N, C-alpha and C. Protein backbone atom coordinates (compact mmCIF):
# COMPACT_ATOMS: atom_id res chain seq x y z
N MET A 1 126.90 -144.39 -230.10
CA MET A 1 125.95 -144.63 -230.81
C MET A 1 125.55 -143.28 -231.11
N ASN A 2 125.32 -142.70 -232.55
CA ASN A 2 125.02 -141.22 -232.53
C ASN A 2 123.63 -141.48 -232.55
N GLU A 3 122.98 -140.51 -231.89
CA GLU A 3 121.76 -139.87 -231.73
C GLU A 3 121.30 -139.05 -232.81
N PRO A 4 120.15 -138.96 -233.53
CA PRO A 4 119.97 -137.86 -234.44
C PRO A 4 119.44 -136.75 -233.85
N ASP A 5 119.70 -135.75 -234.32
CA ASP A 5 119.27 -134.24 -233.84
C ASP A 5 117.99 -134.29 -234.16
N PRO A 6 117.01 -133.80 -233.39
CA PRO A 6 115.61 -133.50 -233.89
C PRO A 6 115.59 -132.27 -234.55
N THR A 7 116.60 -131.19 -234.09
CA THR A 7 116.40 -130.02 -234.89
C THR A 7 116.87 -130.19 -236.27
N ARG A 8 117.29 -131.03 -236.88
CA ARG A 8 117.61 -131.24 -237.88
C ARG A 8 116.43 -131.87 -239.04
N THR A 9 115.16 -131.95 -238.35
CA THR A 9 114.22 -132.33 -239.16
C THR A 9 113.75 -131.47 -240.44
N PRO A 10 113.72 -131.98 -241.50
CA PRO A 10 113.76 -130.86 -242.54
C PRO A 10 112.57 -129.89 -242.75
N ALA A 11 112.38 -128.87 -242.89
CA ALA A 11 111.69 -127.72 -243.03
C ALA A 11 109.88 -128.51 -243.93
N THR A 12 110.51 -129.26 -244.79
CA THR A 12 109.15 -129.46 -245.91
C THR A 12 108.43 -130.79 -244.77
N VAL A 13 109.04 -131.27 -244.18
CA VAL A 13 108.22 -132.50 -243.27
C VAL A 13 107.37 -131.86 -242.46
N ILE A 14 108.16 -130.76 -241.38
CA ILE A 14 107.29 -130.13 -240.42
C ILE A 14 106.19 -129.35 -240.99
N ALA A 15 106.53 -128.61 -242.17
CA ALA A 15 105.46 -127.88 -242.93
C ALA A 15 104.47 -128.92 -243.20
N ALA A 16 104.59 -130.20 -243.90
CA ALA A 16 103.66 -131.33 -244.10
C ALA A 16 102.70 -131.65 -243.49
N VAL A 17 103.56 -131.92 -241.84
CA VAL A 17 102.81 -132.27 -240.98
C VAL A 17 101.84 -131.14 -240.24
N ALA A 18 102.35 -129.95 -240.32
CA ALA A 18 101.57 -128.89 -239.71
C ALA A 18 100.32 -128.65 -240.51
N ALA A 19 100.59 -128.79 -242.19
CA ALA A 19 99.33 -128.65 -243.06
C ALA A 19 98.32 -129.96 -242.85
N GLY A 20 98.96 -131.02 -242.71
CA GLY A 20 98.24 -132.44 -242.41
C GLY A 20 97.25 -132.13 -241.20
N THR A 21 97.64 -131.20 -240.14
CA THR A 21 96.72 -131.16 -239.05
C THR A 21 95.53 -130.51 -239.24
N ALA A 22 95.04 -129.72 -240.48
CA ALA A 22 93.81 -129.03 -240.49
C ALA A 22 92.89 -129.67 -240.44
N VAL A 23 92.73 -131.10 -240.80
CA VAL A 23 91.70 -131.98 -240.62
C VAL A 23 91.41 -132.46 -239.18
N VAL A 24 92.46 -132.12 -238.53
CA VAL A 24 92.32 -133.18 -237.06
C VAL A 24 91.00 -132.33 -236.16
N PRO A 25 91.01 -131.34 -236.18
CA PRO A 25 90.00 -130.57 -235.18
C PRO A 25 88.25 -130.90 -235.63
N PHE A 26 88.27 -131.31 -237.16
CA PHE A 26 87.35 -131.44 -237.69
C PHE A 26 86.98 -132.87 -237.10
N LEU A 27 87.97 -133.62 -237.43
CA LEU A 27 87.59 -135.02 -237.17
C LEU A 27 87.42 -135.27 -235.41
N ILE A 28 88.05 -134.57 -234.52
CA ILE A 28 87.84 -134.86 -233.31
C ILE A 28 86.27 -134.19 -232.82
N VAL A 29 85.80 -133.17 -233.43
CA VAL A 29 84.58 -132.63 -233.08
C VAL A 29 83.33 -133.56 -233.65
N TYR A 30 83.67 -134.06 -235.13
CA TYR A 30 82.42 -134.84 -235.67
C TYR A 30 82.53 -136.18 -234.96
N SER A 31 83.56 -136.65 -234.79
CA SER A 31 83.78 -138.16 -234.21
C SER A 31 83.16 -138.29 -232.97
N PHE A 32 83.35 -137.16 -232.01
CA PHE A 32 82.68 -136.93 -230.63
C PHE A 32 81.02 -136.74 -230.96
N LEU A 33 80.49 -135.99 -231.69
CA LEU A 33 79.28 -135.72 -231.99
C LEU A 33 78.80 -136.76 -232.43
N PHE A 34 78.85 -137.51 -233.33
CA PHE A 34 78.09 -138.50 -234.06
C PHE A 34 78.34 -139.90 -233.01
N ILE A 35 79.23 -139.76 -232.32
CA ILE A 35 79.41 -140.93 -231.24
C ILE A 35 78.21 -140.69 -230.30
N VAL A 36 78.45 -139.45 -229.82
CA VAL A 36 77.11 -139.13 -228.79
C VAL A 36 75.85 -139.34 -229.16
N ARG A 37 75.67 -138.59 -230.30
CA ARG A 37 74.41 -138.64 -230.99
C ARG A 37 73.91 -139.94 -231.40
N GLY A 38 74.86 -141.00 -231.58
CA GLY A 38 74.47 -142.28 -232.04
C GLY A 38 74.38 -143.35 -231.06
N GLY A 39 75.16 -143.01 -229.84
CA GLY A 39 75.19 -143.98 -228.78
C GLY A 39 74.66 -143.71 -227.15
N PHE A 40 74.58 -142.42 -227.22
CA PHE A 40 74.12 -141.94 -225.71
C PHE A 40 73.10 -140.84 -225.99
N VAL A 41 72.53 -140.27 -226.71
CA VAL A 41 71.73 -139.14 -226.76
C VAL A 41 70.59 -139.60 -227.76
N GLU A 42 69.29 -139.27 -227.58
CA GLU A 42 68.22 -139.56 -228.30
C GLU A 42 67.93 -138.45 -229.05
N VAL A 43 67.99 -138.72 -230.54
CA VAL A 43 67.72 -137.57 -231.35
C VAL A 43 66.59 -137.77 -232.11
N ASP A 44 65.98 -136.68 -232.28
CA ASP A 44 64.70 -136.72 -233.23
C ASP A 44 64.90 -137.07 -234.55
N GLN A 45 66.02 -136.30 -235.12
CA GLN A 45 66.16 -136.40 -236.64
C GLN A 45 67.97 -136.69 -236.63
N PRO A 46 68.55 -137.72 -237.01
CA PRO A 46 69.76 -138.02 -237.12
C PRO A 46 70.29 -137.19 -238.37
N ASP A 47 71.72 -136.82 -238.08
CA ASP A 47 72.35 -135.94 -239.02
C ASP A 47 72.83 -136.00 -240.22
N ILE A 48 73.29 -137.26 -240.36
CA ILE A 48 73.84 -137.65 -241.76
C ILE A 48 73.46 -138.91 -241.91
N THR A 49 72.88 -139.80 -241.27
CA THR A 49 72.39 -140.81 -241.81
C THR A 49 70.54 -141.12 -241.22
N SER A 50 70.27 -142.08 -241.35
CA SER A 50 68.67 -142.09 -241.36
C SER A 50 68.50 -143.05 -239.89
N SER A 51 69.67 -143.64 -239.30
CA SER A 51 69.26 -144.20 -237.83
C SER A 51 70.27 -143.68 -236.72
N ARG A 52 69.85 -143.84 -235.59
CA ARG A 52 71.18 -143.47 -234.43
C ARG A 52 72.36 -144.57 -234.62
N SER A 53 71.98 -145.77 -235.19
CA SER A 53 73.32 -146.66 -235.13
C SER A 53 74.12 -146.14 -236.26
N GLY A 54 73.49 -145.89 -237.57
CA GLY A 54 74.25 -145.18 -238.43
C GLY A 54 75.14 -143.99 -237.94
N GLU A 55 74.66 -143.15 -237.23
CA GLU A 55 75.08 -142.19 -236.84
C GLU A 55 76.46 -142.47 -235.57
N LEU A 56 76.27 -143.37 -234.91
CA LEU A 56 77.23 -144.13 -234.19
C LEU A 56 78.20 -144.69 -235.26
N ILE A 57 78.14 -145.36 -236.12
CA ILE A 57 78.95 -146.20 -237.09
C ILE A 57 79.62 -144.80 -237.75
N ALA A 58 79.21 -143.83 -238.01
CA ALA A 58 79.91 -142.43 -238.72
C ALA A 58 81.02 -141.97 -238.16
N GLY A 59 80.39 -141.95 -236.61
CA GLY A 59 81.45 -141.40 -235.44
C GLY A 59 82.72 -142.31 -235.19
N LEU A 60 82.29 -143.43 -235.06
CA LEU A 60 83.42 -144.56 -234.99
C LEU A 60 84.59 -144.30 -236.45
N VAL A 61 83.84 -144.19 -237.48
CA VAL A 61 84.54 -144.29 -238.63
C VAL A 61 85.38 -142.76 -238.48
N ALA A 62 84.78 -141.90 -238.22
CA ALA A 62 85.63 -140.52 -238.15
C ALA A 62 86.73 -140.65 -236.98
N PHE A 63 86.50 -141.33 -236.04
CA PHE A 63 87.71 -141.42 -234.88
C PHE A 63 88.42 -142.48 -235.15
N ALA A 64 88.23 -143.35 -236.09
CA ALA A 64 89.19 -144.35 -236.63
C ALA A 64 90.36 -143.66 -237.74
N PHE A 65 89.57 -142.76 -238.34
CA PHE A 65 90.42 -141.81 -239.47
C PHE A 65 91.24 -140.96 -238.87
N LEU A 66 90.75 -140.36 -237.77
CA LEU A 66 91.43 -139.47 -236.91
C LEU A 66 92.56 -140.19 -236.14
N ILE A 67 92.64 -141.21 -235.94
CA ILE A 67 93.62 -142.18 -235.37
C ILE A 67 94.87 -142.47 -236.75
N PHE A 68 94.34 -142.76 -237.43
CA PHE A 68 95.05 -143.21 -238.83
C PHE A 68 95.99 -141.98 -239.28
N VAL A 69 95.07 -140.70 -239.30
CA VAL A 69 96.04 -139.47 -239.65
C VAL A 69 97.01 -139.35 -238.73
N LEU A 70 96.58 -139.16 -237.43
CA LEU A 70 97.87 -139.01 -236.59
C LEU A 70 98.87 -139.78 -236.41
N TRP A 71 98.73 -140.91 -236.60
CA TRP A 71 99.58 -142.24 -236.81
C TRP A 71 100.63 -142.19 -237.92
N GLY A 72 99.94 -141.69 -239.20
CA GLY A 72 100.79 -141.19 -240.38
C GLY A 72 101.75 -140.02 -239.88
N MET A 73 101.18 -138.81 -239.41
CA MET A 73 101.77 -137.68 -239.08
C MET A 73 103.03 -138.33 -237.83
N GLY A 74 102.79 -139.12 -237.24
CA GLY A 74 103.84 -139.64 -236.25
C GLY A 74 105.37 -140.35 -237.19
N ARG A 75 104.34 -141.28 -237.67
CA ARG A 75 105.39 -141.80 -238.98
C ARG A 75 106.45 -140.90 -240.01
N LEU A 76 105.60 -139.76 -240.41
CA LEU A 76 106.28 -139.22 -241.16
C LEU A 76 107.80 -138.10 -240.38
N ILE A 77 107.09 -137.57 -239.26
CA ILE A 77 108.13 -136.68 -238.59
C ILE A 77 109.08 -137.24 -237.75
N ASN A 78 108.69 -138.73 -237.71
CA ASN A 78 110.05 -139.45 -237.29
C ASN A 78 110.53 -140.23 -238.28
N GLY A 79 110.39 -139.96 -239.52
CA GLY A 79 111.23 -140.59 -240.75
C GLY A 79 110.89 -142.06 -240.84
N TRP A 80 110.14 -142.70 -240.37
CA TRP A 80 109.68 -144.06 -240.54
C TRP A 80 109.11 -144.48 -241.85
N ASP A 81 108.14 -143.64 -242.24
CA ASP A 81 107.67 -143.92 -243.80
C ASP A 81 106.81 -142.60 -243.94
N ARG A 82 106.50 -142.54 -245.13
CA ARG A 82 105.41 -141.34 -245.59
C ARG A 82 104.03 -142.17 -246.21
N TRP A 83 103.93 -143.50 -246.21
CA TRP A 83 102.80 -144.03 -246.87
C TRP A 83 101.49 -143.64 -246.11
N VAL A 84 101.75 -143.87 -244.99
CA VAL A 84 100.26 -143.74 -244.27
C VAL A 84 100.01 -142.62 -243.96
N PHE A 85 100.97 -141.45 -244.27
CA PHE A 85 100.59 -139.91 -244.07
C PHE A 85 100.15 -139.80 -245.34
N LEU A 86 100.73 -139.87 -246.67
CA LEU A 86 100.06 -139.70 -247.70
C LEU A 86 98.87 -140.48 -248.08
N ALA A 87 98.46 -141.66 -247.52
CA ALA A 87 97.01 -142.37 -247.98
C ALA A 87 96.44 -141.36 -247.05
N GLY A 88 96.43 -141.04 -246.04
CA GLY A 88 95.41 -140.15 -245.13
C GLY A 88 95.46 -138.66 -245.38
N GLN A 89 96.14 -138.09 -245.91
CA GLN A 89 95.96 -136.99 -246.54
C GLN A 89 95.23 -136.99 -248.09
N LEU A 90 95.36 -138.17 -248.69
CA LEU A 90 94.60 -138.48 -250.25
C LEU A 90 93.25 -138.77 -249.74
N LEU A 91 92.93 -139.34 -248.77
CA LEU A 91 91.78 -139.72 -248.31
C LEU A 91 91.14 -138.24 -247.82
N THR A 92 91.54 -137.34 -247.00
CA THR A 92 91.23 -136.22 -246.38
C THR A 92 90.76 -135.44 -247.96
N ALA A 93 91.80 -135.24 -248.83
CA ALA A 93 91.65 -134.58 -250.03
C ALA A 93 90.33 -135.08 -250.97
N GLY A 94 90.26 -136.26 -250.86
CA GLY A 94 88.94 -136.73 -251.70
C GLY A 94 87.61 -136.31 -250.85
N VAL A 95 87.76 -136.65 -249.55
CA VAL A 95 86.22 -136.31 -248.96
C VAL A 95 86.24 -134.94 -249.05
N ALA A 96 87.25 -134.16 -248.66
CA ALA A 96 86.98 -132.73 -249.01
C ALA A 96 86.56 -131.91 -250.12
N LEU A 97 87.08 -132.76 -251.35
CA LEU A 97 86.43 -132.48 -252.70
C LEU A 97 85.14 -132.74 -252.84
N SER A 98 84.76 -134.02 -252.35
CA SER A 98 83.34 -134.44 -252.75
C SER A 98 82.44 -133.26 -251.97
N LEU A 99 82.72 -132.85 -250.68
CA LEU A 99 81.93 -132.22 -249.86
C LEU A 99 81.99 -130.66 -250.26
N LEU A 100 82.87 -130.27 -251.03
CA LEU A 100 82.82 -128.94 -251.82
C LEU A 100 82.27 -129.10 -253.17
N LEU A 101 81.93 -130.12 -253.76
CA LEU A 101 81.25 -130.36 -255.11
C LEU A 101 79.70 -130.33 -254.62
N ASP A 102 79.43 -130.94 -253.39
CA ASP A 102 78.13 -131.25 -252.95
C ASP A 102 77.46 -129.77 -252.30
N SER A 103 76.50 -129.19 -253.26
CA SER A 103 75.89 -128.09 -252.51
C SER A 103 75.16 -128.21 -251.38
N ALA A 104 74.60 -129.84 -251.32
CA ALA A 104 73.90 -130.09 -250.05
C ALA A 104 74.52 -130.11 -248.94
N SER A 105 75.95 -130.05 -249.04
CA SER A 105 76.78 -130.16 -247.78
C SER A 105 76.97 -129.31 -246.87
N GLY A 106 76.32 -127.91 -247.12
CA GLY A 106 76.60 -126.89 -246.38
C GLY A 106 77.58 -125.79 -247.22
N GLU A 107 78.16 -124.93 -246.24
CA GLU A 107 78.88 -123.96 -246.92
C GLU A 107 80.26 -124.48 -247.50
N PRO A 108 80.76 -123.91 -248.44
CA PRO A 108 82.03 -124.61 -248.86
C PRO A 108 83.52 -124.23 -248.28
N GLN A 109 83.37 -123.22 -247.44
CA GLN A 109 84.58 -122.65 -246.70
C GLN A 109 85.52 -123.72 -246.08
N VAL A 110 84.72 -124.56 -245.29
CA VAL A 110 85.87 -125.52 -244.69
C VAL A 110 86.13 -126.72 -245.39
N PRO A 111 85.22 -127.37 -246.15
CA PRO A 111 86.05 -128.18 -247.13
C PRO A 111 87.07 -127.66 -248.02
N ALA A 112 86.90 -126.55 -248.52
CA ALA A 112 87.81 -125.77 -249.35
C ALA A 112 89.16 -125.59 -248.40
N VAL A 113 89.06 -125.11 -247.23
CA VAL A 113 90.46 -125.05 -246.25
C VAL A 113 91.17 -126.45 -246.17
N VAL A 114 90.64 -127.57 -246.02
CA VAL A 114 90.79 -128.84 -245.70
C VAL A 114 91.54 -129.12 -246.90
N LEU A 115 90.59 -129.10 -248.26
CA LEU A 115 91.10 -129.58 -249.23
C LEU A 115 92.24 -128.65 -249.57
N ILE A 116 92.74 -127.19 -249.69
CA ILE A 116 93.91 -126.88 -249.85
C ILE A 116 95.21 -127.34 -248.82
N ALA A 117 94.87 -127.49 -247.49
CA ALA A 117 95.72 -127.89 -246.65
C ALA A 117 96.20 -129.29 -246.70
N ALA A 118 95.15 -130.36 -247.27
CA ALA A 118 95.70 -131.78 -247.85
C ALA A 118 96.53 -131.79 -248.97
N VAL A 119 95.92 -130.90 -249.93
CA VAL A 119 97.14 -130.89 -251.06
C VAL A 119 98.42 -130.44 -250.79
N LEU A 120 98.62 -129.34 -249.87
CA LEU A 120 99.78 -128.59 -249.43
C LEU A 120 100.58 -129.71 -248.73
N ALA A 121 99.98 -130.58 -247.89
CA ALA A 121 100.54 -131.79 -247.27
C ALA A 121 101.35 -132.91 -248.05
N LEU A 122 100.36 -132.82 -248.82
CA LEU A 122 100.71 -134.09 -250.13
C LEU A 122 102.18 -133.71 -250.97
N THR A 123 102.12 -132.50 -251.23
CA THR A 123 102.81 -131.91 -252.17
C THR A 123 104.27 -131.58 -251.08
N LEU A 124 104.21 -131.18 -249.87
CA LEU A 124 105.50 -131.06 -249.20
C LEU A 124 106.15 -132.55 -248.90
N ALA A 125 105.29 -133.24 -248.72
CA ALA A 125 105.77 -134.62 -248.27
C ALA A 125 106.32 -135.43 -249.48
N CYS A 126 106.17 -134.70 -250.31
CA CYS A 126 106.85 -135.58 -251.74
C CYS A 126 107.96 -134.90 -252.28
N LEU A 127 108.26 -133.68 -251.66
CA LEU A 127 109.47 -132.90 -252.08
C LEU A 127 110.92 -133.49 -251.55
N PRO A 128 111.90 -133.79 -252.37
CA PRO A 128 113.28 -134.37 -252.09
C PRO A 128 113.74 -134.51 -250.46
N PRO A 129 113.48 -133.17 -249.93
CA PRO A 129 114.32 -133.16 -248.53
C PRO A 129 113.43 -134.20 -247.57
N SER A 130 111.96 -134.33 -247.85
CA SER A 130 110.91 -135.25 -247.62
C SER A 130 111.50 -136.57 -247.57
N TRP A 131 111.80 -137.06 -248.94
CA TRP A 131 112.08 -138.34 -249.11
C TRP A 131 113.33 -138.59 -248.62
N ARG A 132 114.15 -137.76 -248.64
CA ARG A 132 115.45 -138.00 -247.87
C ARG A 132 115.38 -138.34 -246.20
N TRP A 133 114.54 -137.71 -245.55
CA TRP A 133 114.50 -137.81 -244.62
C TRP A 133 113.96 -139.07 -243.99
N VAL A 134 113.20 -139.77 -245.02
CA VAL A 134 112.37 -140.94 -244.87
C VAL A 134 113.35 -142.29 -245.20
N ALA A 135 114.09 -141.60 -246.08
CA ALA A 135 115.04 -142.80 -246.63
C ALA A 135 116.18 -142.87 -245.66
N THR A 136 116.41 -142.21 -244.96
CA THR A 136 117.66 -142.11 -243.82
C THR A 136 116.84 -142.62 -242.67
N GLU A 137 115.45 -142.98 -242.49
CA GLU A 137 114.89 -143.15 -241.32
C GLU A 137 115.01 -142.14 -240.21
N GLY A 138 114.89 -141.09 -240.53
CA GLY A 138 114.95 -139.68 -239.87
C GLY A 138 116.29 -139.26 -239.26
N GLY A 139 117.40 -139.80 -239.92
CA GLY A 139 118.79 -139.42 -239.64
C GLY A 139 119.40 -140.62 -239.30
N HIS A 140 118.75 -141.83 -239.04
CA HIS A 140 119.31 -143.10 -238.28
C HIS A 140 120.47 -143.52 -239.06
N ARG A 141 119.83 -143.69 -240.48
CA ARG A 141 120.63 -144.55 -241.39
C ARG A 141 121.53 -143.58 -242.18
N VAL A 142 122.25 -144.07 -242.97
CA VAL A 142 123.28 -143.39 -244.14
C VAL A 142 122.46 -143.32 -245.22
N ALA A 143 122.34 -142.20 -246.23
CA ALA A 143 121.66 -142.22 -247.40
C ALA A 143 122.13 -142.88 -248.34
N VAL A 144 121.32 -143.18 -249.48
CA VAL A 144 122.15 -143.99 -250.64
C VAL A 144 123.31 -143.21 -251.10
N ALA A 145 124.01 -143.96 -251.63
CA ALA A 145 125.49 -143.87 -252.13
C ALA A 145 126.68 -143.30 -250.89
N GLY A 146 126.04 -143.96 -249.86
CA GLY A 146 127.18 -143.72 -248.61
C GLY A 146 127.30 -142.33 -248.31
N THR A 147 126.43 -141.46 -248.56
CA THR A 147 126.28 -140.08 -248.06
C THR A 147 125.43 -139.98 -247.03
N PRO A 148 126.12 -139.27 -245.73
CA PRO A 148 125.11 -139.19 -244.46
C PRO A 148 124.15 -138.46 -244.98
N ALA A 149 123.29 -138.44 -244.46
CA ALA A 149 121.78 -137.56 -244.33
C ALA A 149 122.09 -136.09 -243.89
N HIS A 150 123.01 -136.56 -242.75
CA HIS A 150 123.42 -135.05 -242.23
C HIS A 150 124.41 -134.99 -241.97
N PRO A 151 125.65 -134.09 -241.82
CA PRO A 151 126.65 -134.35 -241.31
C PRO A 151 126.75 -134.42 -239.86
N ALA A 152 127.56 -135.35 -239.27
CA ALA A 152 127.26 -135.35 -237.88
C ALA A 152 128.39 -134.73 -237.32
N ALA A 153 127.91 -134.23 -235.83
CA ALA A 153 128.56 -133.40 -235.24
C ALA A 153 129.95 -134.02 -234.73
N PRO A 154 130.93 -133.18 -234.69
CA PRO A 154 132.24 -133.85 -234.16
C PRO A 154 132.09 -134.09 -232.63
N GLU A 155 132.80 -135.40 -232.78
CA GLU A 155 132.83 -136.18 -231.22
C GLU A 155 134.03 -135.65 -230.17
N GLY A 156 135.05 -135.29 -230.72
CA GLY A 156 136.00 -134.67 -229.63
C GLY A 156 135.70 -133.15 -229.65
N PRO A 157 136.76 -132.94 -228.49
CA PRO A 157 136.84 -131.43 -228.31
C PRO A 157 137.33 -130.75 -229.50
N GLN A 158 136.95 -129.31 -229.64
CA GLN A 158 137.64 -128.35 -230.57
C GLN A 158 137.70 -127.34 -230.43
N ALA A 159 138.96 -126.50 -230.80
CA ALA A 159 139.03 -125.14 -230.53
C ALA A 159 137.78 -124.39 -230.85
N LEU A 160 137.23 -123.26 -229.72
CA LEU A 160 136.30 -122.58 -229.97
C LEU A 160 136.37 -121.66 -231.19
N GLY A 161 135.41 -121.59 -232.22
CA GLY A 161 135.71 -121.19 -233.28
C GLY A 161 136.26 -121.74 -234.46
N GLY A 162 136.74 -123.18 -234.34
CA GLY A 162 137.54 -123.81 -235.02
C GLY A 162 136.64 -124.38 -236.27
N PRO A 163 137.03 -125.59 -236.78
CA PRO A 163 136.62 -126.15 -237.85
C PRO A 163 135.38 -126.28 -237.72
N ALA A 164 134.79 -126.82 -236.61
CA ALA A 164 133.41 -127.09 -236.42
C ALA A 164 132.42 -126.13 -236.47
N LEU A 165 132.96 -124.86 -236.60
CA LEU A 165 132.05 -123.68 -236.34
C LEU A 165 132.63 -123.14 -237.93
N GLY A 166 133.32 -123.57 -238.60
CA GLY A 166 133.64 -123.01 -240.14
C GLY A 166 134.61 -121.88 -240.15
N GLY A 167 135.42 -121.75 -239.11
CA GLY A 167 136.39 -120.76 -238.94
C GLY A 167 137.51 -121.13 -238.39
N PRO A 168 138.78 -120.35 -238.20
CA PRO A 168 139.98 -120.98 -237.61
C PRO A 168 139.78 -120.90 -236.13
N ALA A 169 140.61 -121.17 -235.49
CA ALA A 169 140.49 -121.57 -233.91
C ALA A 169 140.47 -120.06 -233.53
N LEU A 170 140.04 -119.86 -232.23
CA LEU A 170 140.20 -118.63 -231.54
C LEU A 170 141.09 -118.18 -231.08
N GLY A 171 141.14 -116.84 -231.51
CA GLY A 171 142.74 -116.04 -231.03
C GLY A 171 143.92 -116.48 -232.32
N GLY A 172 143.28 -117.24 -233.42
CA GLY A 172 144.21 -117.74 -234.26
C GLY A 172 144.24 -116.48 -235.62
N PRO A 173 144.64 -116.97 -236.53
CA PRO A 173 145.10 -115.86 -237.72
C PRO A 173 143.95 -114.95 -237.81
N ALA A 174 142.64 -115.52 -237.72
CA ALA A 174 141.48 -114.73 -238.01
C ALA A 174 141.60 -113.40 -237.11
N LEU A 175 141.86 -113.42 -235.75
CA LEU A 175 142.20 -112.05 -234.84
C LEU A 175 143.46 -111.83 -234.75
N GLY A 176 144.39 -111.88 -235.80
CA GLY A 176 145.65 -111.54 -235.83
C GLY A 176 146.60 -112.14 -234.97
N GLY A 177 146.77 -113.48 -234.36
CA GLY A 177 147.39 -113.78 -233.18
C GLY A 177 147.57 -115.12 -233.48
N PRO A 178 148.25 -115.96 -232.93
CA PRO A 178 148.29 -117.41 -232.78
C PRO A 178 147.31 -118.10 -232.08
N THR A 179 147.04 -119.48 -232.33
CA THR A 179 145.83 -120.17 -231.65
C THR A 179 146.06 -119.74 -229.89
N LEU A 180 144.79 -119.82 -229.46
CA LEU A 180 144.60 -119.75 -228.06
C LEU A 180 145.56 -120.78 -227.23
N GLY A 181 146.28 -120.35 -226.31
CA GLY A 181 147.53 -120.91 -225.44
C GLY A 181 148.53 -121.10 -226.21
N GLY A 182 148.66 -120.45 -227.46
CA GLY A 182 150.21 -120.88 -227.86
C GLY A 182 151.01 -119.68 -227.46
N PRO A 183 152.18 -119.31 -228.24
CA PRO A 183 153.10 -118.47 -227.63
C PRO A 183 152.64 -117.13 -227.03
N ALA A 184 151.68 -116.52 -227.75
CA ALA A 184 151.14 -115.19 -227.17
C ALA A 184 150.87 -115.74 -225.50
N LEU A 185 150.37 -116.77 -225.27
CA LEU A 185 149.97 -116.99 -223.75
C LEU A 185 151.11 -117.85 -223.01
N GLY A 186 152.34 -117.81 -223.66
CA GLY A 186 153.61 -118.57 -223.05
C GLY A 186 153.34 -120.26 -223.18
N GLY A 187 152.55 -120.85 -224.17
CA GLY A 187 152.28 -122.11 -224.07
C GLY A 187 152.66 -122.58 -225.49
N PRO A 188 152.54 -123.94 -225.79
CA PRO A 188 152.81 -124.32 -226.95
C PRO A 188 151.97 -124.39 -227.97
N VAL A 189 152.06 -123.93 -229.39
CA VAL A 189 151.12 -124.10 -230.34
C VAL A 189 150.72 -125.38 -230.71
N SER A 190 149.38 -125.42 -230.78
CA SER A 190 148.65 -126.72 -230.79
C SER A 190 149.66 -127.73 -232.16
N GLY A 191 150.41 -128.97 -231.11
CA GLY A 191 150.80 -129.86 -232.21
C GLY A 191 152.34 -129.78 -231.75
N GLN A 192 152.94 -128.73 -231.20
CA GLN A 192 154.34 -128.71 -230.90
C GLN A 192 154.21 -128.97 -229.57
N PRO A 193 155.50 -129.96 -229.36
CA PRO A 193 155.90 -130.24 -227.83
C PRO A 193 156.16 -128.59 -226.94
N SER A 194 155.97 -128.70 -225.47
CA SER A 194 156.51 -127.64 -224.93
C SER A 194 158.13 -127.92 -224.40
N GLY A 195 158.62 -127.00 -223.95
CA GLY A 195 159.83 -127.54 -223.51
C GLY A 195 160.96 -126.68 -224.61
């Protein structure tokens, strides 16, 4: 059974997930803040709603969205699908854009950064290498038209520096001599019987 090589994850997938993490710290902070303010701490003035229960619901929604975003990242990086990731980033971009356009929501720097990161994540997740990564389930399946997603590593032993590394066998014509273990060392050339 061939195990996929995790180092073969396309750079576009890694970059998309990295860009998608821009919203994660904010979701962690806000979900914690609103759950605490709505469920455990008595506050004089609720922050984003008119009641403590509203604050608690806002915190639970932020926490659920955090789980959804992280789930989407995991599914994309493992090559299972891209739709959860795209939906999470679209929601992130939409909320960031609405906060950016609402002058009452505070300084525009944070929503602007989150919006740029979400758009970048969406773009990178839609590039062809990212689509191929998902189409092959992270390298587990063969891509469409019978072409492997990534060339499989050779299974048998090969001469050092040989075809697996893109060159002739060590000690061979590239270095001016026969293959390692051949007549120069008193042994047979590969493929010729000794004696």
